[in-house]
Structure formats: structure tokens, C-alpha cells
Amino acid sequence: MTSPRDNMLKDERIIENLGFMVQDVGRLMRRDYNRRVQVTGVTQAQWRAIMVLWRNPGISQARLSDILEMQPISVARLVDRMQASGHVERKPDPTDRRAVRLFLTDKAEPVRLRLMAYGVETRAAALSGLSLPEQEQLMNLLARMRGNLTGSEEGQG
């Protein structure tokens, strides 16, 4: 039988290790994904940019920099390489002639589809052994935590 003190110590260990556990799972998932993606020749920065641009067509380079948490000069070089390879297109911003908007090209679509397939494989490996209700609960709880930290409505309640 566990005592209230044992339960309290267990609760403290969970709380103390939460950030580490979330970060470590993310690190391990990125490592697994990078291992799978390696055959494509796409770097981690490139696959992250492809997925951000797919979800946010027409995003500015500055916003892409923020999302990727990379220095603007590094993102500029990344976009230069991706444009040279024919995967990204820069188009003038219709409201600000100094700015450009970024779009994936048709050439990027097969790459994106392969990246998505590798993502499915990585998620399946990570969620192996969890029932569908457990997977849904995990996603709901993580979404609430994210909402708590970003102040969005998904964290309220």
C-alpha cells in the first residue's frame, strides 16, 4: 500500500520530468523521422520549411524564420537553395512592394508526399502499443497544454 507521502513524491517526479519527457519524445521522433527522410537527401531545415510552406502558402520569409526558430539570414540562404532547386517560389507581396511571399512549387509536391508518408511511419512507431482512445486522449491533453501556454482557446476549460 502506498502512503500519501509516496503519492506526493510520485506527483512531484511527474511534474519535474514533464518538460524533459515532452522534449525527449520530440527529439526521438525527429531522430527517427530524420533517419527515414535521409534517403531523400532533404535536410531537417528543408523538410521543416516544406511542411510550414505547405500549411501556410504565401507566408513571408520573416514569419517562416519565426516559425522555424532560425535566424533570418539562415532562412534566406535556405530559401535561396530551395528556390534554386525549383521547390520554392518567391512572389511579390501585393500589399508591400519590399516584401515577398513564399510558395511551394509543383516540383515540391512529390517530395512533400514522401515526407508525409515518412511522418505516418514515425507516428506509428511512436504510438505503437497505444489504443486509439489513448492516442486521442494524448493528443487532446497535449493540445490543451499547448493552448495553456499560448493563451489560445484550446487550453481553456
N, C-alpha and C. Protein backbone atom coordinates (compact mmCIF):
# COMPACT_ATOMS: atom_id res chain seq x y z
N MET A 1 0.85 -1.18 0.00
CA MET A 1 0.00 0.00 0.00
C MET A 1 0.90 1.24 0.00
N THR A 2 0.51 2.25 -0.80
CA THR A 2 1.31 3.47 -0.85
C THR A 2 0.76 4.50 0.12
N SER A 3 1.67 5.24 0.68
CA SER A 3 1.28 6.28 1.63
C SER A 3 1.02 7.58 0.87
N PRO A 4 0.34 8.54 1.52
CA PRO A 4 0.14 9.85 0.88
C PRO A 4 1.47 10.50 0.52
N ARG A 5 2.49 10.29 1.34
CA ARG A 5 3.83 10.86 1.06
C ARG A 5 4.39 10.25 -0.22
N ASP A 6 4.24 8.91 -0.40
CA ASP A 6 4.72 8.26 -1.62
C ASP A 6 4.01 8.82 -2.85
N ASN A 7 2.70 9.02 -2.72
CA ASN A 7 1.92 9.59 -3.84
C ASN A 7 2.39 11.00 -4.16
N MET A 8 2.68 11.79 -3.10
CA MET A 8 3.15 13.16 -3.31
C MET A 8 4.50 13.16 -4.02
N LEU A 9 5.41 12.28 -3.62
CA LEU A 9 6.72 12.20 -4.27
C LEU A 9 6.57 11.78 -5.73
N LYS A 10 5.66 10.85 -5.99
CA LYS A 10 5.41 10.41 -7.36
C LYS A 10 4.88 11.59 -8.18
N ASP A 11 3.92 12.35 -7.64
CA ASP A 11 3.38 13.52 -8.34
C ASP A 11 4.48 14.53 -8.64
N GLU A 12 5.38 14.77 -7.67
CA GLU A 12 6.47 15.72 -7.88
C GLU A 12 7.41 15.25 -8.98
N ARG A 13 7.71 13.94 -9.03
CA ARG A 13 8.59 13.41 -10.08
C ARG A 13 7.95 13.58 -11.45
N ILE A 14 6.66 13.37 -11.55
CA ILE A 14 5.96 13.55 -12.83
C ILE A 14 6.07 15.01 -13.26
N ILE A 15 5.77 15.91 -12.35
CA ILE A 15 5.80 17.33 -12.68
C ILE A 15 7.22 17.77 -13.04
N GLU A 16 8.21 17.33 -12.27
CA GLU A 16 9.60 17.71 -12.53
C GLU A 16 10.09 17.17 -13.87
N ASN A 17 9.59 16.04 -14.30
CA ASN A 17 10.08 15.39 -15.52
C ASN A 17 9.21 15.67 -16.75
N LEU A 18 8.12 16.38 -16.61
CA LEU A 18 7.21 16.61 -17.72
C LEU A 18 7.91 17.28 -18.90
N GLY A 19 8.58 18.39 -18.65
CA GLY A 19 9.26 19.11 -19.74
C GLY A 19 10.32 18.26 -20.41
N PHE A 20 11.09 17.55 -19.59
CA PHE A 20 12.11 16.67 -20.16
C PHE A 20 11.48 15.59 -21.01
N MET A 21 10.42 14.97 -20.52
CA MET A 21 9.78 13.88 -21.25
C MET A 21 9.21 14.37 -22.58
N VAL A 22 8.52 15.50 -22.57
CA VAL A 22 7.95 16.03 -23.81
C VAL A 22 9.07 16.36 -24.80
N GLN A 23 10.11 17.01 -24.32
CA GLN A 23 11.24 17.37 -25.18
C GLN A 23 11.94 16.12 -25.71
N ASP A 24 12.13 15.13 -24.86
CA ASP A 24 12.84 13.93 -25.26
C ASP A 24 12.04 13.13 -26.29
N VAL A 25 10.73 13.03 -26.10
CA VAL A 25 9.90 12.34 -27.10
C VAL A 25 9.99 13.08 -28.43
N GLY A 26 9.92 14.40 -28.40
CA GLY A 26 10.06 15.18 -29.63
C GLY A 26 11.41 14.95 -30.30
N ARG A 27 12.47 14.92 -29.50
CA ARG A 27 13.81 14.69 -30.03
C ARG A 27 13.91 13.31 -30.67
N LEU A 28 13.38 12.31 -29.99
CA LEU A 28 13.44 10.95 -30.52
C LEU A 28 12.60 10.79 -31.78
N MET A 29 11.45 11.47 -31.84
CA MET A 29 10.63 11.41 -33.05
C MET A 29 11.36 12.10 -34.22
N ARG A 30 11.99 13.25 -33.95
CA ARG A 30 12.76 13.93 -35.01
C ARG A 30 13.90 13.04 -35.50
N ARG A 31 14.58 12.37 -34.57
CA ARG A 31 15.69 11.49 -34.94
C ARG A 31 15.18 10.34 -35.82
N ASP A 32 14.08 9.72 -35.44
CA ASP A 32 13.50 8.64 -36.23
C ASP A 32 13.10 9.16 -37.61
N TYR A 33 12.44 10.31 -37.64
CA TYR A 33 11.99 10.89 -38.90
C TYR A 33 13.18 11.24 -39.79
N ASN A 34 14.21 11.87 -39.20
CA ASN A 34 15.40 12.21 -39.98
C ASN A 34 16.05 10.97 -40.58
N ARG A 35 16.06 9.89 -39.83
CA ARG A 35 16.63 8.63 -40.33
C ARG A 35 15.84 8.16 -41.56
N ARG A 36 14.54 8.25 -41.49
CA ARG A 36 13.70 7.82 -42.62
C ARG A 36 13.88 8.73 -43.83
N VAL A 37 13.93 10.04 -43.57
CA VAL A 37 13.97 11.04 -44.64
C VAL A 37 15.34 11.10 -45.32
N GLN A 38 16.34 10.60 -44.65
CA GLN A 38 17.72 10.68 -45.14
C GLN A 38 17.85 10.21 -46.59
N VAL A 39 17.09 9.21 -46.99
CA VAL A 39 17.18 8.67 -48.35
C VAL A 39 16.75 9.69 -49.41
N THR A 40 15.99 10.71 -49.01
CA THR A 40 15.52 11.72 -49.97
C THR A 40 16.57 12.79 -50.24
N GLY A 41 17.55 12.93 -49.33
CA GLY A 41 18.53 14.00 -49.46
C GLY A 41 18.03 15.33 -48.94
N VAL A 42 16.83 15.35 -48.37
CA VAL A 42 16.25 16.57 -47.82
C VAL A 42 16.76 16.75 -46.39
N THR A 43 17.26 17.94 -46.08
CA THR A 43 17.76 18.21 -44.74
C THR A 43 16.61 18.50 -43.78
N GLN A 44 16.90 18.48 -42.48
CA GLN A 44 15.87 18.78 -41.49
C GLN A 44 15.31 20.18 -41.70
N ALA A 45 16.16 21.15 -41.96
CA ALA A 45 15.68 22.52 -42.19
C ALA A 45 14.77 22.56 -43.42
N GLN A 46 15.12 21.83 -44.46
CA GLN A 46 14.31 21.82 -45.67
C GLN A 46 12.96 21.15 -45.45
N TRP A 47 12.95 19.99 -44.78
CA TRP A 47 11.65 19.34 -44.58
C TRP A 47 10.76 20.15 -43.68
N ARG A 48 11.36 20.81 -42.69
CA ARG A 48 10.54 21.66 -41.82
C ARG A 48 9.97 22.82 -42.62
N ALA A 49 10.80 23.43 -43.48
CA ALA A 49 10.33 24.55 -44.31
C ALA A 49 9.23 24.10 -45.27
N ILE A 50 9.41 22.94 -45.89
CA ILE A 50 8.39 22.43 -46.82
C ILE A 50 7.06 22.28 -46.10
N MET A 51 7.08 21.71 -44.92
CA MET A 51 5.82 21.49 -44.21
C MET A 51 5.19 22.81 -43.77
N VAL A 52 6.00 23.78 -43.34
CA VAL A 52 5.46 25.08 -42.94
C VAL A 52 4.87 25.79 -44.16
N LEU A 53 5.58 25.75 -45.29
CA LEU A 53 5.08 26.42 -46.50
C LEU A 53 3.82 25.74 -47.03
N TRP A 54 3.73 24.43 -46.88
CA TRP A 54 2.53 23.73 -47.32
C TRP A 54 1.33 24.16 -46.48
N ARG A 55 1.54 24.31 -45.18
CA ARG A 55 0.45 24.70 -44.28
C ARG A 55 0.15 26.21 -44.35
N ASN A 56 1.11 26.99 -44.83
CA ASN A 56 0.99 28.45 -44.84
C ASN A 56 1.43 29.02 -46.18
N PRO A 57 0.74 28.69 -47.28
CA PRO A 57 1.17 29.23 -48.57
C PRO A 57 1.13 30.75 -48.57
N GLY A 58 2.18 31.36 -49.13
CA GLY A 58 2.25 32.81 -49.19
C GLY A 58 2.82 33.45 -47.95
N ILE A 59 3.39 32.67 -47.07
CA ILE A 59 3.97 33.19 -45.84
C ILE A 59 5.18 34.07 -46.17
N SER A 60 5.45 35.02 -45.33
CA SER A 60 6.63 35.87 -45.53
C SER A 60 7.87 35.13 -45.03
N GLN A 61 9.01 35.54 -45.52
CA GLN A 61 10.26 34.94 -45.08
C GLN A 61 10.49 35.21 -43.60
N ALA A 62 10.11 36.39 -43.13
CA ALA A 62 10.27 36.74 -41.71
C ALA A 62 9.43 35.82 -40.83
N ARG A 63 8.20 35.56 -41.25
CA ARG A 63 7.33 34.66 -40.47
C ARG A 63 7.86 33.23 -40.50
N LEU A 64 8.37 32.80 -41.66
CA LEU A 64 8.97 31.47 -41.75
C LEU A 64 10.14 31.36 -40.77
N SER A 65 10.91 32.41 -40.69
CA SER A 65 12.04 32.48 -39.75
C SER A 65 11.56 32.28 -38.31
N ASP A 66 10.49 32.97 -37.97
CA ASP A 66 9.93 32.85 -36.61
C ASP A 66 9.47 31.42 -36.32
N ILE A 67 8.73 30.85 -37.24
CA ILE A 67 8.18 29.51 -37.03
C ILE A 67 9.30 28.47 -36.92
N LEU A 68 10.31 28.58 -37.79
CA LEU A 68 11.41 27.62 -37.78
C LEU A 68 12.39 27.89 -36.64
N GLU A 69 12.24 29.04 -35.98
CA GLU A 69 13.17 29.47 -34.92
C GLU A 69 14.60 29.47 -35.44
N MET A 70 14.75 30.09 -36.62
CA MET A 70 16.06 30.22 -37.25
C MET A 70 16.33 31.70 -37.51
N GLN A 71 17.59 32.07 -37.58
CA GLN A 71 17.97 33.44 -37.90
C GLN A 71 17.51 33.78 -39.32
N PRO A 72 17.06 35.02 -39.54
CA PRO A 72 16.59 35.40 -40.89
C PRO A 72 17.61 35.15 -41.99
N ILE A 73 18.89 35.38 -41.74
CA ILE A 73 19.90 35.15 -42.78
C ILE A 73 20.00 33.67 -43.13
N SER A 74 19.84 32.80 -42.13
CA SER A 74 19.88 31.35 -42.38
C SER A 74 18.67 30.92 -43.20
N VAL A 75 17.51 31.50 -42.90
CA VAL A 75 16.31 31.17 -43.66
C VAL A 75 16.43 31.71 -45.08
N ALA A 76 17.02 32.89 -45.24
CA ALA A 76 17.21 33.44 -46.59
C ALA A 76 18.07 32.50 -47.43
N ARG A 77 19.14 31.98 -46.84
CA ARG A 77 20.01 31.04 -47.56
C ARG A 77 19.27 29.73 -47.86
N LEU A 78 18.50 29.25 -46.89
CA LEU A 78 17.71 28.04 -47.08
C LEU A 78 16.73 28.22 -48.24
N VAL A 79 16.01 29.34 -48.24
CA VAL A 79 15.04 29.61 -49.31
C VAL A 79 15.76 29.78 -50.65
N ASP A 80 16.93 30.42 -50.64
CA ASP A 80 17.72 30.54 -51.87
C ASP A 80 18.01 29.16 -52.47
N ARG A 81 18.46 28.23 -51.61
CA ARG A 81 18.79 26.88 -52.09
C ARG A 81 17.53 26.16 -52.59
N MET A 82 16.45 26.32 -51.85
CA MET A 82 15.21 25.65 -52.25
C MET A 82 14.63 26.26 -53.52
N GLN A 83 14.84 27.55 -53.71
CA GLN A 83 14.39 28.18 -54.95
C GLN A 83 15.27 27.71 -56.12
N ALA A 84 16.57 27.63 -55.88
CA ALA A 84 17.49 27.16 -56.93
C ALA A 84 17.18 25.72 -57.35
N SER A 85 16.72 24.91 -56.41
CA SER A 85 16.39 23.52 -56.74
C SER A 85 14.99 23.40 -57.34
N GLY A 86 14.25 24.51 -57.39
CA GLY A 86 12.93 24.51 -58.01
C GLY A 86 11.79 24.11 -57.10
N HIS A 87 12.02 24.09 -55.78
CA HIS A 87 10.99 23.66 -54.84
C HIS A 87 10.21 24.82 -54.21
N VAL A 88 10.78 26.01 -54.25
CA VAL A 88 10.13 27.18 -53.65
C VAL A 88 10.14 28.31 -54.65
N GLU A 89 9.07 29.08 -54.61
CA GLU A 89 8.94 30.25 -55.48
C GLU A 89 8.70 31.48 -54.62
N ARG A 90 9.41 32.54 -54.93
CA ARG A 90 9.18 33.83 -54.28
C ARG A 90 8.30 34.67 -55.21
N LYS A 91 7.23 35.23 -54.63
CA LYS A 91 6.34 36.09 -55.40
C LYS A 91 6.22 37.42 -54.67
N PRO A 92 6.11 38.51 -55.41
CA PRO A 92 5.97 39.82 -54.75
C PRO A 92 4.71 39.89 -53.90
N ASP A 93 4.82 40.55 -52.77
CA ASP A 93 3.67 40.79 -51.90
C ASP A 93 2.84 41.89 -52.53
N PRO A 94 1.55 41.65 -52.79
CA PRO A 94 0.73 42.66 -53.46
C PRO A 94 0.50 43.92 -52.61
N THR A 95 0.71 43.83 -51.32
CA THR A 95 0.45 44.99 -50.45
C THR A 95 1.72 45.69 -49.98
N ASP A 96 2.88 45.07 -50.20
CA ASP A 96 4.14 45.66 -49.76
C ASP A 96 5.21 45.32 -50.78
N ARG A 97 5.58 46.32 -51.59
CA ARG A 97 6.50 46.01 -52.69
C ARG A 97 7.90 45.64 -52.23
N ARG A 98 8.23 45.85 -50.96
CA ARG A 98 9.54 45.43 -50.44
C ARG A 98 9.54 43.96 -50.01
N ALA A 99 8.38 43.39 -49.80
CA ALA A 99 8.27 42.04 -49.27
C ALA A 99 7.98 41.02 -50.37
N VAL A 100 8.31 39.78 -50.06
CA VAL A 100 7.98 38.67 -50.96
C VAL A 100 7.23 37.61 -50.17
N ARG A 101 6.46 36.84 -50.87
CA ARG A 101 5.70 35.72 -50.29
C ARG A 101 6.30 34.43 -50.84
N LEU A 102 6.28 33.39 -50.01
CA LEU A 102 6.88 32.11 -50.38
C LEU A 102 5.81 31.06 -50.67
N PHE A 103 6.04 30.31 -51.72
CA PHE A 103 5.11 29.26 -52.13
C PHE A 103 5.91 28.03 -52.56
N LEU A 104 5.36 26.86 -52.29
CA LEU A 104 5.94 25.63 -52.83
C LEU A 104 5.57 25.55 -54.30
N THR A 105 6.44 24.96 -55.07
CA THR A 105 6.15 24.74 -56.49
C THR A 105 5.57 23.35 -56.69
N ASP A 106 5.10 23.08 -57.89
CA ASP A 106 4.59 21.75 -58.22
C ASP A 106 5.69 20.70 -58.05
N LYS A 107 6.94 21.09 -58.28
CA LYS A 107 8.07 20.15 -58.14
C LYS A 107 8.23 19.68 -56.69
N ALA A 108 7.79 20.48 -55.74
CA ALA A 108 7.92 20.12 -54.32
C ALA A 108 6.86 19.11 -53.88
N GLU A 109 5.78 18.97 -54.63
CA GLU A 109 4.67 18.12 -54.20
C GLU A 109 5.06 16.65 -54.01
N PRO A 110 5.77 16.02 -54.93
CA PRO A 110 6.17 14.63 -54.69
C PRO A 110 7.07 14.48 -53.45
N VAL A 111 7.92 15.47 -53.22
CA VAL A 111 8.78 15.45 -52.03
C VAL A 111 7.92 15.56 -50.78
N ARG A 112 6.97 16.47 -50.80
CA ARG A 112 6.09 16.65 -49.64
C ARG A 112 5.31 15.37 -49.35
N LEU A 113 4.83 14.72 -50.39
CA LEU A 113 4.08 13.48 -50.19
C LEU A 113 4.95 12.39 -49.57
N ARG A 114 6.21 12.30 -50.00
CA ARG A 114 7.13 11.33 -49.39
C ARG A 114 7.38 11.69 -47.93
N LEU A 115 7.56 12.97 -47.67
CA LEU A 115 7.79 13.41 -46.28
C LEU A 115 6.59 13.06 -45.41
N MET A 116 5.39 13.26 -45.94
CA MET A 116 4.18 12.93 -45.19
C MET A 116 4.12 11.43 -44.90
N ALA A 117 4.49 10.61 -45.86
CA ALA A 117 4.48 9.16 -45.66
C ALA A 117 5.47 8.76 -44.57
N TYR A 118 6.64 9.38 -44.57
CA TYR A 118 7.62 9.09 -43.52
C TYR A 118 7.10 9.57 -42.16
N GLY A 119 6.35 10.65 -42.16
CA GLY A 119 5.74 11.12 -40.91
C GLY A 119 4.74 10.13 -40.36
N VAL A 120 3.96 9.52 -41.24
CA VAL A 120 2.99 8.50 -40.83
C VAL A 120 3.74 7.33 -40.19
N GLU A 121 4.85 6.92 -40.79
CA GLU A 121 5.64 5.82 -40.25
C GLU A 121 6.21 6.15 -38.87
N THR A 122 6.73 7.37 -38.73
CA THR A 122 7.30 7.78 -37.44
C THR A 122 6.22 7.84 -36.37
N ARG A 123 5.07 8.43 -36.70
CA ARG A 123 3.98 8.49 -35.72
C ARG A 123 3.51 7.09 -35.33
N ALA A 124 3.42 6.20 -36.30
CA ALA A 124 3.00 4.83 -36.00
C ALA A 124 3.99 4.16 -35.04
N ALA A 125 5.27 4.38 -35.27
CA ALA A 125 6.28 3.81 -34.37
C ALA A 125 6.15 4.40 -32.97
N ALA A 126 5.95 5.70 -32.89
CA ALA A 126 5.86 6.37 -31.59
C ALA A 126 4.61 5.96 -30.83
N LEU A 127 3.52 5.75 -31.54
CA LEU A 127 2.24 5.44 -30.89
C LEU A 127 1.98 3.93 -30.76
N SER A 128 2.92 3.13 -31.19
CA SER A 128 2.77 1.69 -31.13
C SER A 128 2.44 1.25 -29.70
N GLY A 129 1.42 0.41 -29.59
CA GLY A 129 1.02 -0.09 -28.28
C GLY A 129 0.00 0.76 -27.56
N LEU A 130 -0.32 1.93 -28.12
CA LEU A 130 -1.37 2.77 -27.53
C LEU A 130 -2.67 2.53 -28.29
N SER A 131 -3.74 2.33 -27.56
CA SER A 131 -5.04 2.14 -28.20
C SER A 131 -5.48 3.46 -28.84
N LEU A 132 -6.45 3.38 -29.74
CA LEU A 132 -6.97 4.59 -30.38
C LEU A 132 -7.51 5.58 -29.34
N PRO A 133 -8.27 5.15 -28.34
CA PRO A 133 -8.71 6.11 -27.32
C PRO A 133 -7.53 6.74 -26.55
N GLU A 134 -6.49 5.97 -26.30
CA GLU A 134 -5.31 6.53 -25.63
C GLU A 134 -4.62 7.56 -26.52
N GLN A 135 -4.53 7.27 -27.81
CA GLN A 135 -3.92 8.21 -28.76
C GLN A 135 -4.73 9.51 -28.80
N GLU A 136 -6.05 9.39 -28.86
CA GLU A 136 -6.92 10.58 -28.87
C GLU A 136 -6.77 11.36 -27.58
N GLN A 137 -6.72 10.67 -26.45
CA GLN A 137 -6.56 11.35 -25.17
C GLN A 137 -5.22 12.07 -25.11
N LEU A 138 -4.16 11.42 -25.57
CA LEU A 138 -2.84 12.04 -25.59
C LEU A 138 -2.86 13.33 -26.41
N MET A 139 -3.43 13.28 -27.60
CA MET A 139 -3.48 14.46 -28.46
C MET A 139 -4.32 15.56 -27.84
N ASN A 140 -5.45 15.20 -27.24
CA ASN A 140 -6.29 16.20 -26.58
C ASN A 140 -5.57 16.87 -25.42
N LEU A 141 -4.87 16.09 -24.63
CA LEU A 141 -4.14 16.65 -23.49
C LEU A 141 -2.99 17.54 -23.94
N LEU A 142 -2.25 17.10 -24.96
CA LEU A 142 -1.16 17.93 -25.47
C LEU A 142 -1.70 19.22 -26.09
N ALA A 143 -2.82 19.14 -26.78
CA ALA A 143 -3.43 20.35 -27.36
C ALA A 143 -3.84 21.32 -26.26
N ARG A 144 -4.38 20.80 -25.17
CA ARG A 144 -4.76 21.67 -24.04
C ARG A 144 -3.53 22.30 -23.42
N MET A 145 -2.46 21.53 -23.27
CA MET A 145 -1.23 22.08 -22.71
C MET A 145 -0.69 23.18 -23.61
N ARG A 146 -0.68 22.93 -24.92
CA ARG A 146 -0.21 23.95 -25.86
C ARG A 146 -1.07 25.20 -25.75
N GLY A 147 -2.37 24.99 -25.67
CA GLY A 147 -3.28 26.12 -25.52
C GLY A 147 -3.02 26.90 -24.24
N ASN A 148 -2.75 26.19 -23.16
CA ASN A 148 -2.43 26.86 -21.89
C ASN A 148 -1.22 27.77 -22.04
N LEU A 149 -0.25 27.32 -22.82
CA LEU A 149 1.00 28.07 -22.95
C LEU A 149 0.92 29.16 -24.02
N THR A 150 0.00 29.03 -24.95
CA THR A 150 -0.13 30.06 -26.00
C THR A 150 -1.29 31.01 -25.74
N GLY A 151 -2.13 30.66 -24.76
CA GLY A 151 -3.29 31.50 -24.46
C GLY A 151 -4.43 31.32 -25.41
N SER A 152 -4.39 30.25 -26.23
CA SER A 152 -5.48 30.05 -27.17
C SER A 152 -6.63 29.34 -26.47
N GLU A 153 -7.76 29.32 -27.14
CA GLU A 153 -8.96 28.72 -26.55
C GLU A 153 -8.83 27.24 -26.30
N GLU A 154 -7.97 26.55 -27.08
CA GLU A 154 -7.88 25.10 -26.88
C GLU A 154 -7.29 24.77 -25.51
N GLY A 155 -6.69 25.73 -24.82
CA GLY A 155 -6.16 25.47 -23.48
C GLY A 155 -7.12 25.86 -22.37
N GLN A 156 -8.23 26.44 -22.74
CA GLN A 156 -9.20 26.88 -21.74
C GLN A 156 -10.13 25.74 -21.36
N GLY A 157 -10.59 25.76 -20.14
CA GLY A 157 -11.60 24.78 -19.80
C GLY A 157 -11.20 23.77 -18.82
